[in-house]
Amino acid sequence: MAEEDGDFQRDEPHPDDREDPVSGELRDRVRLAVIKIAESE
C-alpha cells in the first residue's frame, strides 16, 4: 500500500490546494446544513 500511496502523491502532489476554494464553499454549506439539522432535532 505504501508504494501505491507514493505513486498517487506523484500524480497529485497537492490535491487539497487545487480544490481549496471549492472545499471552502462545501465546508460552509455543510456547516449550515449541520446547524439546520441540529436545530430541527
N, C-alpha and C. Protein backbone atom coordinates (compact mmCIF):
# COMPACT_ATOMS: atom_id res chain seq x y z
N MET A 1 0.83 -1.20 0.00
CA MET A 1 0.00 0.00 0.00
C MET A 1 0.87 1.26 0.00
N ALA A 2 2.02 1.18 0.62
CA ALA A 2 2.91 2.34 0.68
C ALA A 2 3.33 2.75 -0.73
N GLU A 3 3.60 1.76 -1.58
CA GLU A 3 4.03 2.08 -2.94
C GLU A 3 2.90 2.77 -3.70
N GLU A 4 1.66 2.28 -3.54
CA GLU A 4 0.54 2.89 -4.24
C GLU A 4 0.34 4.33 -3.78
N ASP A 5 0.44 4.56 -2.48
CA ASP A 5 0.28 5.92 -1.97
C ASP A 5 1.34 6.83 -2.57
N GLY A 6 2.57 6.33 -2.68
CA GLY A 6 3.66 7.14 -3.25
C GLY A 6 3.35 7.51 -4.69
N ASP A 7 2.85 6.56 -5.47
CA ASP A 7 2.52 6.85 -6.87
C ASP A 7 1.41 7.90 -6.93
N PHE A 8 0.42 7.78 -6.07
CA PHE A 8 -0.69 8.72 -6.07
C PHE A 8 -0.19 10.13 -5.77
N GLN A 9 0.72 10.24 -4.81
CA GLN A 9 1.25 11.55 -4.45
C GLN A 9 2.04 12.13 -5.62
N ARG A 10 2.71 11.28 -6.41
CA ARG A 10 3.47 11.79 -7.55
C ARG A 10 2.53 12.40 -8.58
N ASP A 11 1.38 11.73 -8.82
CA ASP A 11 0.43 12.24 -9.81
C ASP A 11 -0.20 13.54 -9.31
N GLU A 12 -0.58 13.57 -8.03
CA GLU A 12 -1.22 14.77 -7.47
C GLU A 12 -0.51 15.17 -6.18
N PRO A 13 0.53 15.99 -6.29
CA PRO A 13 1.30 16.38 -5.11
C PRO A 13 0.49 17.24 -4.13
N HIS A 14 -0.42 18.07 -4.65
CA HIS A 14 -1.20 18.94 -3.77
C HIS A 14 -2.67 18.96 -4.20
N PRO A 15 -3.40 17.85 -4.01
CA PRO A 15 -4.81 17.82 -4.42
C PRO A 15 -5.65 18.81 -3.61
N ASP A 16 -5.29 19.01 -2.34
CA ASP A 16 -6.05 19.94 -1.50
C ASP A 16 -5.94 21.36 -2.02
N ASP A 17 -4.75 21.76 -2.48
CA ASP A 17 -4.56 23.12 -2.97
C ASP A 17 -5.42 23.36 -4.21
N ARG A 18 -5.55 22.35 -5.06
CA ARG A 18 -6.33 22.52 -6.29
C ARG A 18 -7.79 22.82 -5.96
N GLU A 19 -8.35 22.09 -4.99
CA GLU A 19 -9.77 22.24 -4.68
C GLU A 19 -9.98 23.08 -3.43
N ASP A 20 -9.03 23.95 -3.11
CA ASP A 20 -9.15 24.73 -1.87
C ASP A 20 -10.40 25.61 -1.86
N PRO A 21 -10.64 26.44 -2.89
CA PRO A 21 -11.83 27.30 -2.88
C PRO A 21 -13.12 26.49 -2.87
N VAL A 22 -13.15 25.41 -3.63
CA VAL A 22 -14.35 24.56 -3.67
C VAL A 22 -14.59 23.95 -2.30
N SER A 23 -13.51 23.49 -1.67
CA SER A 23 -13.64 22.88 -0.35
C SER A 23 -14.20 23.91 0.63
N GLY A 24 -13.76 25.16 0.50
CA GLY A 24 -14.26 26.21 1.38
C GLY A 24 -15.77 26.36 1.25
N GLU A 25 -16.28 26.37 0.02
CA GLU A 25 -17.72 26.50 -0.18
C GLU A 25 -18.44 25.29 0.39
N LEU A 26 -17.91 24.11 0.12
CA LEU A 26 -18.55 22.89 0.62
C LEU A 26 -18.56 22.90 2.14
N ARG A 27 -17.47 23.35 2.75
CA ARG A 27 -17.42 23.38 4.23
C ARG A 27 -18.49 24.30 4.77
N ASP A 28 -18.65 25.48 4.15
CA ASP A 28 -19.67 26.42 4.62
C ASP A 28 -21.06 25.81 4.46
N ARG A 29 -21.32 25.19 3.32
CA ARG A 29 -22.64 24.58 3.09
C ARG A 29 -22.89 23.48 4.09
N VAL A 30 -21.86 22.67 4.34
CA VAL A 30 -22.02 21.56 5.30
C VAL A 30 -22.31 22.12 6.69
N ARG A 31 -21.61 23.18 7.05
CA ARG A 31 -21.85 23.79 8.38
C ARG A 31 -23.30 24.24 8.51
N LEU A 32 -23.79 24.95 7.50
CA LEU A 32 -25.17 25.43 7.55
C LEU A 32 -26.14 24.25 7.62
N ALA A 33 -25.89 23.23 6.83
CA ALA A 33 -26.77 22.06 6.82
C ALA A 33 -26.76 21.38 8.19
N VAL A 34 -25.58 21.23 8.77
CA VAL A 34 -25.48 20.57 10.08
C VAL A 34 -26.21 21.40 11.13
N ILE A 35 -26.05 22.71 11.06
CA ILE A 35 -26.73 23.58 12.04
C ILE A 35 -28.24 23.44 11.89
N LYS A 36 -28.74 23.45 10.66
CA LYS A 36 -30.18 23.33 10.43
C LYS A 36 -30.68 21.99 10.98
N ILE A 37 -29.96 20.92 10.70
CA ILE A 37 -30.36 19.59 11.17
C ILE A 37 -30.35 19.56 12.70
N ALA A 38 -29.31 20.13 13.29
CA ALA A 38 -29.21 20.14 14.75
C ALA A 38 -30.37 20.91 15.36
N GLU A 39 -30.74 22.04 14.76
CA GLU A 39 -31.84 22.85 15.29
C GLU A 39 -33.17 22.13 15.12
N SER A 40 -33.36 21.46 13.98
CA SER A 40 -34.62 20.76 13.73
C SER A 40 -34.78 19.60 14.71
N GLU A 41 -33.68 18.97 15.09
CA GLU A 41 -33.76 17.85 16.05
C GLU A 41 -33.80 18.44 17.45
